């Protein structure tokens, strides 16, 4: 990713991804407040994974009972976070939403 304020390249690390709500964070170089602008295929991915996240646990409940449901939900949660992080790191565009802050 490239900061629109200072034009420095940085990566969306897992720590930075997990530490922010609603994809808002600060540039590690200049401290500018940024948010991520998603591409259209991010929303297609989100819809597709949402459907899977409903169907797979429902089928796991039918086939394996409550333990299968728990395993399916935990597995999909971990997979969803990992895939979302990688997709945002590769495709999202940072957009300036505020001035440079003194934090970070």
PDB file of N, CA and C in Angstrom:
ATOM      1  N   UNK A   1       0.837  -1.175   0.000  1.00  0.00           N
ATOM      2  CA  UNK A   1       0.000   0.000   0.000  1.00  0.00           C
ATOM      3  C   UNK A   1       0.883   1.240   0.000  1.00  0.00           C
ATOM      4  N   UNK A   2       0.345   2.311  -0.558  1.00  0.00           N
ATOM      5  CA  UNK A   2       1.073   3.572  -0.603  1.00  0.00           C
ATOM      6  C   UNK A   2       0.221   4.639   0.084  1.00  0.00           C
ATOM      7  N   UNK A   3       0.810   5.325   1.045  1.00  0.00           N
ATOM      8  CA  UNK A   3       0.112   6.380   1.776  1.00  0.00           C
ATOM      9  C   UNK A   3      -0.164   7.555   0.833  1.00  0.00           C
ATOM     10  N   UNK A   4      -1.413   8.046   0.762  1.00  0.00           N
ATOM     11  CA  UNK A   4      -1.695   9.194  -0.097  1.00  0.00           C
ATOM     12  C   UNK A   4      -1.135  10.505   0.439  1.00  0.00           C
ATOM     13  N   UNK A   5      -0.737  10.542   1.697  1.00  0.00           N
ATOM     14  CA  UNK A   5      -0.208  11.764   2.292  1.00  0.00           C
ATOM     15  C   UNK A   5       1.301  11.912   2.080  1.00  0.00           C
ATOM     16  N   UNK A   6       2.053  10.865   2.410  1.00  0.00           N
ATOM     17  CA  UNK A   6       3.515  10.953   2.323  1.00  0.00           C
ATOM     18  C   UNK A   6       4.107  10.137   1.174  1.00  0.00           C
ATOM     19  N   UNK A   7       3.283   9.370   0.465  1.00  0.00           N
ATOM     20  CA  UNK A   7       3.692   8.545  -0.680  1.00  0.00           C
ATOM     21  C   UNK A   7       4.694   7.461  -0.312  1.00  0.00           C
ATOM     22  N   UNK A   8       4.739   7.056   0.959  1.00  0.00           N
ATOM     23  CA  UNK A   8       5.616   5.965   1.389  1.00  0.00           C
ATOM     24  C   UNK A   8       4.866   4.638   1.279  1.00  0.00           C
ATOM     25  N   UNK A   9       5.572   3.600   0.880  1.00  0.00           N
ATOM     26  CA  UNK A   9       4.988   2.267   0.768  1.00  0.00           C
ATOM     27  C   UNK A   9       5.034   1.583   2.141  1.00  0.00           C
ATOM     28  N   UNK A  10       3.941   0.903   2.487  1.00  0.00           N
ATOM     29  CA  UNK A  10       3.899   0.115   3.720  1.00  0.00           C
ATOM     30  C   UNK A  10       2.994  -1.088   3.498  1.00  0.00           C
ATOM     31  N   UNK A  11       3.107  -2.062   4.390  1.00  0.00           N
ATOM     32  CA  UNK A  11       2.287  -3.271   4.267  1.00  0.00           C
ATOM     33  C   UNK A  11       1.218  -3.277   5.349  1.00  0.00           C
ATOM     34  N   UNK A  12       0.118  -3.906   5.036  1.00  0.00           N
ATOM     35  CA  UNK A  12      -0.951  -4.099   6.010  1.00  0.00           C
ATOM     36  C   UNK A  12      -0.627  -5.381   6.763  1.00  0.00           C
ATOM     37  N   UNK A  13       0.070  -5.246   7.880  1.00  0.00           N
ATOM     38  CA  UNK A  13       0.461  -6.412   8.667  1.00  0.00           C
ATOM     39  C   UNK A  13      -0.752  -6.972   9.396  1.00  0.00           C
ATOM     40  N   UNK A  14      -0.630  -8.204   9.845  1.00  0.00           N
ATOM     41  CA  UNK A  14      -1.734  -8.815  10.579  1.00  0.00           C
ATOM     42  C   UNK A  14      -2.013  -8.046  11.864  1.00  0.00           C
ATOM     43  N   UNK A  15      -0.978  -7.565  12.536  1.00  0.00           N
ATOM     44  CA  UNK A  15      -1.172  -6.788  13.765  1.00  0.00           C
ATOM     45  C   UNK A  15      -1.925  -5.492  13.480  1.00  0.00           C
ATOM     46  N   UNK A  16      -1.579  -4.818  12.401  1.00  0.00           N
ATOM     47  CA  UNK A  16      -2.274  -3.582  12.037  1.00  0.00           C
ATOM     48  C   UNK A  16      -3.718  -3.882  11.638  1.00  0.00           C
ATOM     49  N   UNK A  17      -3.928  -4.975  10.902  1.00  0.00           N
ATOM     50  CA  UNK A  17      -5.264  -5.382  10.475  1.00  0.00           C
ATOM     51  C   UNK A  17      -6.150  -5.711  11.674  1.00  0.00           C
ATOM     52  N   UNK A  18      -5.622  -6.480  12.619  1.00  0.00           N
ATOM     53  CA  UNK A  18      -6.417  -6.896  13.777  1.00  0.00           C
ATOM     54  C   UNK A  18      -6.606  -5.761  14.781  1.00  0.00           C
ATOM     55  N   UNK A  19      -5.760  -4.750  14.748  1.00  0.00           N
ATOM     56  CA  UNK A  19      -5.813  -3.687  15.742  1.00  0.00           C
ATOM     57  C   UNK A  19      -6.722  -2.529  15.399  1.00  0.00           C
ATOM     58  N   UNK A  20      -7.409  -2.577  14.273  1.00  0.00           N
ATOM     59  CA  UNK A  20      -8.247  -1.450  13.872  1.00  0.00           C
ATOM     60  C   UNK A  20      -9.683  -1.892  13.651  1.00  0.00           C
ATOM     61  N   UNK A  21     -10.592  -0.962  13.882  1.00  0.00           N
ATOM     62  CA  UNK A  21     -12.006  -1.233  13.620  1.00  0.00           C
ATOM     63  C   UNK A  21     -12.415  -0.513  12.347  1.00  0.00           C
ATOM     64  N   UNK A  22     -13.189  -1.168  11.535  1.00  0.00           N
ATOM     65  CA  UNK A  22     -13.744  -0.582  10.319  1.00  0.00           C
ATOM     66  C   UNK A  22     -12.659  -0.116   9.348  1.00  0.00           C
ATOM     67  N   UNK A  23     -11.532  -0.807   9.306  1.00  0.00           N
ATOM     68  CA  UNK A  23     -10.448  -0.552   8.354  1.00  0.00           C
ATOM     69  C   UNK A  23      -9.937   0.882   8.410  1.00  0.00           C
ATOM     70  N   UNK A  24      -9.864   1.457   9.605  1.00  0.00           N
ATOM     71  CA  UNK A  24      -9.299   2.796   9.788  1.00  0.00           C
ATOM     72  C   UNK A  24      -8.015   2.659  10.605  1.00  0.00           C
ATOM     73  N   UNK A  25      -6.950   3.260  10.116  1.00  0.00           N
ATOM     74  CA  UNK A  25      -5.656   3.140  10.782  1.00  0.00           C
ATOM     75  C   UNK A  25      -4.799   4.340  10.434  1.00  0.00           C
ATOM     76  N   UNK A  26      -3.607   4.394  11.000  1.00  0.00           N
ATOM     77  CA  UNK A  26      -2.675   5.497  10.743  1.00  0.00           C
ATOM     78  C   UNK A  26      -1.500   4.984   9.927  1.00  0.00           C
ATOM     79  N   UNK A  27      -0.988   5.851   9.075  1.00  0.00           N
ATOM     80  CA  UNK A  27       0.212   5.526   8.302  1.00  0.00           C
ATOM     81  C   UNK A  27       1.379   5.365   9.284  1.00  0.00           C
ATOM     82  N   UNK A  28       2.167   4.288   9.164  1.00  0.00           N
ATOM     83  CA  UNK A  28       3.285   4.105  10.087  1.00  0.00           C
ATOM     84  C   UNK A  28       4.414   5.116   9.870  1.00  0.00           C
ATOM     85  N   UNK A  29       4.447   5.805   8.744  1.00  0.00           N
ATOM     86  CA  UNK A  29       5.513   6.763   8.452  1.00  0.00           C
ATOM     87  C   UNK A  29       5.161   8.179   8.891  1.00  0.00           C
ATOM     88  N   UNK A  30       3.988   8.669   8.476  1.00  0.00           N
ATOM     89  CA  UNK A  30       3.648  10.076   8.746  1.00  0.00           C
ATOM     90  C   UNK A  30       2.508  10.233   9.755  1.00  0.00           C
ATOM     91  N   UNK A  31       1.805   9.164  10.090  1.00  0.00           N
ATOM     92  CA  UNK A  31       0.728   9.234  11.066  1.00  0.00           C
ATOM     93  C   UNK A  31      -0.591   9.718  10.513  1.00  0.00           C
ATOM     94  N   UNK A  32      -0.715   9.886   9.190  1.00  0.00           N
ATOM     95  CA  UNK A  32      -1.977  10.333   8.597  1.00  0.00           C
ATOM     96  C   UNK A  32      -3.067   9.290   8.837  1.00  0.00           C
ATOM     97  N   UNK A  33      -4.270   9.759   9.133  1.00  0.00           N
ATOM     98  CA  UNK A  33      -5.384   8.844   9.358  1.00  0.00           C
ATOM     99  C   UNK A  33      -5.926   8.380   8.014  1.00  0.00           C
ATOM    100  N   UNK A  34      -6.041   7.059   7.873  1.00  0.00           N
ATOM    101  CA  UNK A  34      -6.440   6.451   6.610  1.00  0.00           C
ATOM    102  C   UNK A  34      -7.589   5.480   6.817  1.00  0.00           C
ATOM    103  N   UNK A  35      -8.318   5.233   5.751  1.00  0.00           N
ATOM    104  CA  UNK A  35      -9.289   4.143   5.710  1.00  0.00           C
ATOM    105  C   UNK A  35      -9.064   3.408   4.401  1.00  0.00           C
ATOM    106  N   UNK A  36      -9.610   2.206   4.300  1.00  0.00           N
ATOM    107  CA  UNK A  36      -9.412   1.419   3.090  1.00  0.00           C
ATOM    108  C   UNK A  36     -10.631   1.533   2.179  1.00  0.00           C
ATOM    109  N   UNK A  37     -10.394   1.810   0.918  1.00  0.00           N
ATOM    110  CA  UNK A  37     -11.452   1.802  -0.093  1.00  0.00           C
ATOM    111  C   UNK A  37     -11.403   0.437  -0.763  1.00  0.00           C
ATOM    112  N   UNK A  38     -12.524  -0.264  -0.724  1.00  0.00           N
ATOM    113  CA  UNK A  38     -12.581  -1.619  -1.258  1.00  0.00           C
ATOM    114  C   UNK A  38     -12.920  -1.613  -2.743  1.00  0.00           C
ATOM    115  N   UNK A  39     -12.429  -2.617  -3.447  1.00  0.00           N
ATOM    116  CA  UNK A  39     -12.757  -2.811  -4.848  1.00  0.00           C
ATOM    117  C   UNK A  39     -14.066  -3.580  -4.958  1.00  0.00           C
ATOM    118  N   UNK A  40     -14.662  -3.602  -6.142  1.00  0.00           N
ATOM    119  CA  UNK A  40     -15.952  -4.268  -6.319  1.00  0.00           C
ATOM    120  C   UNK A  40     -15.856  -5.762  -6.050  1.00  0.00           C
ATOM    121  N   UNK A  41     -14.734  -6.388  -6.393  1.00  0.00           N
ATOM    122  CA  UNK A  41     -14.654  -7.831  -6.170  1.00  0.00           C
ATOM    123  C   UNK A  41     -14.457  -8.192  -4.703  1.00  0.00           C
ATOM    124  N   UNK A  42     -14.082  -7.234  -3.862  1.00  0.00           N
ATOM    125  CA  UNK A  42     -14.071  -7.490  -2.421  1.00  0.00           C
ATOM    126  C   UNK A  42     -15.500  -7.765  -1.946  1.00  0.00           C
ATOM    127  N   UNK A  43     -16.459  -6.990  -2.454  1.00  0.00           N
ATOM    128  CA  UNK A  43     -17.853  -7.165  -2.036  1.00  0.00           C
ATOM    129  C   UNK A  43     -18.434  -8.462  -2.590  1.00  0.00           C
ATOM    130  N   UNK A  44     -18.007  -8.879  -3.774  1.00  0.00           N
ATOM    131  CA  UNK A  44     -18.415 -10.184  -4.319  1.00  0.00           C
ATOM    132  C   UNK A  44     -17.875 -11.295  -3.431  1.00  0.00           C
ATOM    133  N   UNK A  45     -16.601 -11.168  -3.033  1.00  0.00           N
ATOM    134  CA  UNK A  45     -15.986 -12.139  -2.123  1.00  0.00           C
ATOM    135  C   UNK A  45     -16.753 -12.209  -0.810  1.00  0.00           C
ATOM    136  N   UNK A  46     -17.123 -11.046  -0.278  1.00  0.00           N
ATOM    137  CA  UNK A  46     -17.831 -10.997   0.996  1.00  0.00           C
ATOM    138  C   UNK A  46     -19.193 -11.688   0.895  1.00  0.00           C
ATOM    139  N   UNK A  47     -19.912 -11.471  -0.178  1.00  0.00           N
ATOM    140  CA  UNK A  47     -21.202 -12.127  -0.398  1.00  0.00           C
ATOM    141  C   UNK A  47     -21.017 -13.633  -0.532  1.00  0.00           C
ATOM    142  N   UNK A  48     -20.037 -14.052  -1.324  1.00  0.00           N
ATOM    143  CA  UNK A  48     -19.759 -15.477  -1.517  1.00  0.00           C
ATOM    144  C   UNK A  48     -19.391 -16.158  -0.202  1.00  0.00           C
ATOM    145  N   UNK A  49     -18.492 -15.549   0.557  1.00  0.00           N
ATOM    146  CA  UNK A  49     -18.081 -16.155   1.829  1.00  0.00           C
ATOM    147  C   UNK A  49     -19.227 -16.132   2.842  1.00  0.00           C
ATOM    148  N   UNK A  50     -20.073 -15.104   2.793  1.00  0.00           N
ATOM    149  CA  UNK A  50     -21.239 -15.052   3.673  1.00  0.00           C
ATOM    150  C   UNK A  50     -22.191 -16.208   3.432  1.00  0.00           C
ATOM    151  N   UNK A  51     -22.404 -16.530   2.168  1.00  0.00           N
ATOM    152  CA  UNK A  51     -23.265 -17.679   1.833  1.00  0.00           C
ATOM    153  C   UNK A  51     -22.640 -18.971   2.344  1.00  0.00           C
ATOM    154  N   UNK A  52     -21.342 -19.120   2.131  1.00  0.00           N
ATOM    155  CA  UNK A  52     -20.645 -20.315   2.625  1.00  0.00           C
ATOM    156  C   UNK A  52     -20.721 -20.391   4.151  1.00  0.00           C
ATOM    157  N   UNK A  53     -20.574 -19.235   4.810  1.00  0.00           N
ATOM    158  CA  UNK A  53     -20.590 -19.209   6.278  1.00  0.00           C
ATOM    159  C   UNK A  53     -21.953 -19.581   6.845  1.00  0.00           C
ATOM    160  N   UNK A  54     -23.003 -19.516   6.049  1.00  0.00           N
ATOM    161  CA  UNK A  54     -24.321 -19.950   6.498  1.00  0.00           C
ATOM    162  C   UNK A  54     -24.548 -21.420   6.166  1.00  0.00           C
ATOM    163  N   UNK A  55     -24.180 -21.836   4.954  1.00  0.00           N
ATOM    164  CA  UNK A  55     -24.464 -23.189   4.482  1.00  0.00           C
ATOM    165  C   UNK A  55     -23.605 -24.242   5.193  1.00  0.00           C
ATOM    166  N   UNK A  56     -22.309 -24.002   5.326  1.00  0.00           N
ATOM    167  CA  UNK A  56     -21.409 -25.015   5.898  1.00  0.00           C
ATOM    168  C   UNK A  56     -21.755 -25.344   7.354  1.00  0.00           C
ATOM    169  N   UNK A  57     -21.937 -24.354   8.254  1.00  0.00           N
ATOM    170  CA  UNK A  57     -22.324 -24.729   9.616  1.00  0.00           C
ATOM    171  C   UNK A  57     -23.687 -25.430   9.692  1.00  0.00           C
ATOM    172  N   UNK A  58     -24.620 -25.035   8.829  1.00  0.00           N
ATOM    173  CA  UNK A  58     -25.925 -25.704   8.828  1.00  0.00           C
ATOM    174  C   UNK A  58     -25.775 -27.169   8.436  1.00  0.00           C
ATOM    175  N   UNK A  59     -24.953 -27.445   7.423  1.00  0.00           N
ATOM    176  CA  UNK A  59     -24.719 -28.830   7.025  1.00  0.00           C
ATOM    177  C   UNK A  59     -23.930 -29.588   8.082  1.00  0.00           C
ATOM    178  N   UNK A  60     -22.981 -28.927   8.740  1.00  0.00           N
ATOM    179  CA  UNK A  60     -22.210 -29.573   9.803  1.00  0.00           C
ATOM    180  C   UNK A  60     -23.113 -29.957  10.964  1.00  0.00           C
ATOM    181  N   UNK A  61     -24.088 -29.117  11.265  1.00  0.00           N
ATOM    182  CA  UNK A  61     -25.038 -29.430  12.336  1.00  0.00           C
ATOM    183  C   UNK A  61     -25.857 -30.664  11.984  1.00  0.00           C
ATOM    184  N   UNK A  62     -26.268 -30.775  10.728  1.00  0.00           N
ATOM    185  CA  UNK A  62     -27.058 -31.926  10.287  1.00  0.00           C
ATOM    186  C   UNK A  62     -26.204 -33.193  10.300  1.00  0.00           C
ATOM    187  N   UNK A  63     -24.971 -33.107   9.778  1.00  0.00           N
ATOM    188  CA  UNK A  63     -24.136 -34.297   9.638  1.00  0.00           C
ATOM    189  C   UNK A  63     -23.449 -34.725  10.929  1.00  0.00           C
ATOM    190  N   UNK A  64     -22.966 -33.786  11.737  1.00  0.00           N
ATOM    191  CA  UNK A  64     -22.135 -34.147  12.881  1.00  0.00           C
ATOM    192  C   UNK A  64     -22.667 -33.644  14.214  1.00  0.00           C
ATOM    193  N   UNK A  65     -23.801 -32.989  14.217  1.00  0.00           N
ATOM    194  CA  UNK A  65     -24.364 -32.492  15.460  1.00  0.00           C
ATOM    195  C   UNK A  65     -23.667 -31.240  15.953  1.00  0.00           C
ATOM    196  N   UNK A  66     -23.832 -30.974  17.230  1.00  0.00           N
ATOM    197  CA  UNK A  66     -23.302 -29.754  17.826  1.00  0.00           C
ATOM    198  C   UNK A  66     -21.773 -29.640  17.742  1.00  0.00           C
ATOM    199  N   UNK A  67     -20.995 -30.714  17.982  1.00  0.00           N
ATOM    200  CA  UNK A  67     -19.538 -30.581  17.835  1.00  0.00           C
ATOM    201  C   UNK A  67     -19.123 -30.191  16.412  1.00  0.00           C
ATOM    202  N   UNK A  68     -19.790 -30.722  15.426  1.00  0.00           N
ATOM    203  CA  UNK A  68     -19.495 -30.362  14.040  1.00  0.00           C
ATOM    204  C   UNK A  68     -19.805 -28.908  13.756  1.00  0.00           C
ATOM    205  N   UNK A  69     -20.884 -28.407  14.352  1.00  0.00           N
ATOM    206  CA  UNK A  69     -21.258 -27.009  14.190  1.00  0.00           C
ATOM    207  C   UNK A  69     -20.176 -26.097  14.777  1.00  0.00           C
ATOM    208  N   UNK A  70     -19.693 -26.412  15.963  1.00  0.00           N
ATOM    209  CA  UNK A  70     -18.666 -25.599  16.618  1.00  0.00           C
ATOM    210  C   UNK A  70     -17.378 -25.594  15.792  1.00  0.00           C
ATOM    211  N   UNK A  71     -16.961 -26.763  15.324  1.00  0.00           N
ATOM    212  CA  UNK A  71     -15.751 -26.861  14.508  1.00  0.00           C
ATOM    213  C   UNK A  71     -15.912 -26.066  13.217  1.00  0.00           C
ATOM    214  N   UNK A  72     -17.070 -26.161  12.590  1.00  0.00           N
ATOM    215  CA  UNK A  72     -17.310 -25.431  11.338  1.00  0.00           C
ATOM    216  C   UNK A  72     -17.263 -23.925  11.561  1.00  0.00           C
ATOM    217  N   UNK A  73     -17.875 -23.435  12.616  1.00  0.00           N
ATOM    218  CA  UNK A  73     -17.897 -21.995  12.888  1.00  0.00           C
ATOM    219  C   UNK A  73     -16.498 -21.473  13.201  1.00  0.00           C
ATOM    220  N   UNK A  74     -15.747 -22.175  14.036  1.00  0.00           N
ATOM    221  CA  UNK A  74     -14.388 -21.750  14.381  1.00  0.00           C
ATOM    222  C   UNK A  74     -13.486 -21.790  13.142  1.00  0.00           C
ATOM    223  N   UNK A  75     -13.568 -22.850  12.369  1.00  0.00           N
ATOM    224  CA  UNK A  75     -12.742 -22.978  11.162  1.00  0.00           C
ATOM    225  C   UNK A  75     -13.061 -21.880  10.157  1.00  0.00           C
ATOM    226  N   UNK A  76     -14.339 -21.617   9.929  1.00  0.00           N
ATOM    227  CA  UNK A  76     -14.719 -20.567   8.994  1.00  0.00           C
ATOM    228  C   UNK A  76     -14.315 -19.189   9.502  1.00  0.00           C
ATOM    229  N   UNK A  77     -14.356 -18.981  10.808  1.00  0.00           N
ATOM    230  CA  UNK A  77     -13.933 -17.700  11.369  1.00  0.00           C
ATOM    231  C   UNK A  77     -12.457 -17.445  11.130  1.00  0.00           C
ATOM    232  N   UNK A  78     -11.635 -18.441  11.398  1.00  0.00           N
ATOM    233  CA  UNK A  78     -10.188 -18.307  11.187  1.00  0.00           C
ATOM    234  C   UNK A  78      -9.886 -18.140   9.700  1.00  0.00           C
ATOM    235  N   UNK A  79     -10.504 -18.951   8.862  1.00  0.00           N
ATOM    236  CA  UNK A  79     -10.296 -18.848   7.424  1.00  0.00           C
ATOM    237  C   UNK A  79     -10.774 -17.498   6.892  1.00  0.00           C
ATOM    238  N   UNK A  80     -11.913 -17.038   7.370  1.00  0.00           N
ATOM    239  CA  UNK A  80     -12.456 -15.758   6.925  1.00  0.00           C
ATOM    240  C   UNK A  80     -11.552 -14.589   7.272  1.00  0.00           C
ATOM    241  N   UNK A  81     -11.026 -14.567   8.484  1.00  0.00           N
ATOM    242  CA  UNK A  81     -10.124 -13.485   8.888  1.00  0.00           C
ATOM    243  C   UNK A  81      -8.844 -13.521   8.054  1.00  0.00           C
ATOM    244  N   UNK A  82      -8.279 -14.699   7.864  1.00  0.00           N
ATOM    245  CA  UNK A  82      -7.035 -14.815   7.088  1.00  0.00           C
ATOM    246  C   UNK A  82      -7.237 -14.384   5.635  1.00  0.00           C
ATOM    247  N   UNK A  83      -8.311 -14.838   5.010  1.00  0.00           N
ATOM    248  CA  UNK A  83      -8.554 -14.475   3.617  1.00  0.00           C
ATOM    249  C   UNK A  83      -8.919 -13.007   3.465  1.00  0.00           C
ATOM    250  N   UNK A  84      -9.673 -12.457   4.394  1.00  0.00           N
ATOM    251  CA  UNK A  84     -10.041 -11.045   4.335  1.00  0.00           C
ATOM    252  C   UNK A  84      -8.806 -10.159   4.481  1.00  0.00           C
ATOM    253  N   UNK A  85      -7.936 -10.506   5.397  1.00  0.00           N
ATOM    254  CA  UNK A  85      -6.692  -9.745   5.599  1.00  0.00           C
ATOM    255  C   UNK A  85      -5.855  -9.735   4.325  1.00  0.00           C
ATOM    256  N   UNK A  86      -5.666 -10.898   3.712  1.00  0.00           N
ATOM    257  CA  UNK A  86      -4.855 -10.977   2.499  1.00  0.00           C
ATOM    258  C   UNK A  86      -5.502 -10.229   1.345  1.00  0.00           C
ATOM    259  N   UNK A  87      -6.828 -10.337   1.216  1.00  0.00           N
ATOM    260  CA  UNK A  87      -7.518  -9.637   0.138  1.00  0.00           C
ATOM    261  C   UNK A  87      -7.422  -8.124   0.325  1.00  0.00           C
ATOM    262  N   UNK A  88      -7.611  -7.643   1.545  1.00  0.00           N
ATOM    263  CA  UNK A  88      -7.483  -6.209   1.796  1.00  0.00           C
ATOM    264  C   UNK A  88      -6.050  -5.731   1.584  1.00  0.00           C
ATOM    265  N   UNK A  89      -5.084  -6.521   2.001  1.00  0.00           N
ATOM    266  CA  UNK A  89      -3.683  -6.123   1.840  1.00  0.00           C
ATOM    267  C   UNK A  89      -3.295  -6.031   0.369  1.00  0.00           C
ATOM    268  N   UNK A  90      -3.882  -6.849  -0.480  1.00  0.00           N
ATOM    269  CA  UNK A  90      -3.509  -6.857  -1.890  1.00  0.00           C
ATOM    270  C   UNK A  90      -4.337  -5.913  -2.750  1.00  0.00           C
ATOM    271  N   UNK A  91      -5.601  -5.661  -2.391  1.00  0.00           N
ATOM    272  CA  UNK A  91      -6.470  -4.942  -3.319  1.00  0.00           C
ATOM    273  C   UNK A  91      -6.999  -3.604  -2.821  1.00  0.00           C
ATOM    274  N   UNK A  92      -7.069  -3.382  -1.523  1.00  0.00           N
ATOM    275  CA  UNK A  92      -7.672  -2.153  -1.003  1.00  0.00           C
ATOM    276  C   UNK A  92      -6.750  -0.957  -1.219  1.00  0.00           C
ATOM    277  N   UNK A  93      -7.357   0.194  -1.394  1.00  0.00           N
ATOM    278  CA  UNK A  93      -6.621   1.432  -1.596  1.00  0.00           C
ATOM    279  C   UNK A  93      -6.781   2.320  -0.370  1.00  0.00           C
ATOM    280  N   UNK A  94      -5.686   2.764   0.267  1.00  0.00           N
ATOM    281  CA  UNK A  94      -5.825   3.659   1.414  1.00  0.00           C
ATOM    282  C   UNK A  94      -6.268   5.054   0.967  1.00  0.00           C
ATOM    283  N   UNK A  95      -7.209   5.633   1.718  1.00  0.00           N
ATOM    284  CA  UNK A  95      -7.748   6.953   1.427  1.00  0.00           C
ATOM    285  C   UNK A  95      -7.564   7.810   2.671  1.00  0.00           C
ATOM    286  N   UNK A  96      -7.100   9.029   2.490  1.00  0.00           N
ATOM    287  CA  UNK A  96      -6.857   9.962   3.581  1.00  0.00           C
ATOM    288  C   UNK A  96      -8.205  10.424   4.166  1.00  0.00           C
ATOM    289  N   UNK A  97      -8.389  10.277   5.506  1.00  0.00           N
ATOM    290  CA  UNK A  97      -9.637  10.735   6.130  1.00  0.00           C
ATOM    291  C   UNK A  97      -9.393  11.814   7.182  1.00  0.00           C
ATOM    292  N   UNK A  98      -8.156  12.088   7.486  1.00  0.00           N
ATOM    293  CA  UNK A  98      -7.891  13.094   8.499  1.00  0.00           C
ATOM    294  C   UNK A  98      -6.450  13.569   8.432  1.00  0.00           C
ATOM    295  N   UNK A  99      -6.151  14.603   9.168  1.00  0.00           N
ATOM    296  CA  UNK A  99      -4.791  15.143   9.161  1.00  0.00           C
ATOM    297  C   UNK A  99      -3.822  14.210   9.852  1.00  0.00           C
ATOM    298  N   UNK A 100      -2.568  14.542   9.709  1.00  0.00           N
ATOM    299  CA  UNK A 100      -1.514  13.783  10.370  1.00  0.00           C
ATOM    300  C   UNK A 100      -1.690  13.883  11.868  1.00  0.00           C
ATOM    301  N   UNK A 101      -1.647  12.745  12.536  1.00  0.00           N
ATOM    302  CA  UNK A 101      -1.794  12.748  13.995  1.00  0.00           C
ATOM    303  C   UNK A 101      -0.435  12.562  14.652  1.00  0.00           C
ATOM    304  N   UNK A 102      -0.361  12.896  15.946  1.00  0.00           N
ATOM    305  CA  UNK A 102       0.882  12.727  16.683  1.00  0.00           C
ATOM    306  C   UNK A 102       1.039  11.316  17.199  1.00  0.00           C
ATOM    307  N   UNK A 103      -0.059  10.525  17.138  1.00  0.00           N
ATOM    308  CA  UNK A 103       0.010   9.139  17.603  1.00  0.00           C
ATOM    309  C   UNK A 103       0.638   8.273  16.526  1.00  0.00           C
ATOM    310  N   UNK A 104       1.161   7.125  16.965  1.00  0.00           N
ATOM    311  CA  UNK A 104       1.787   6.134  16.117  1.00  0.00           C
ATOM    312  C   UNK A 104       2.889   6.759  15.367  1.00  0.00           C
TER     313      UNK A 104
END
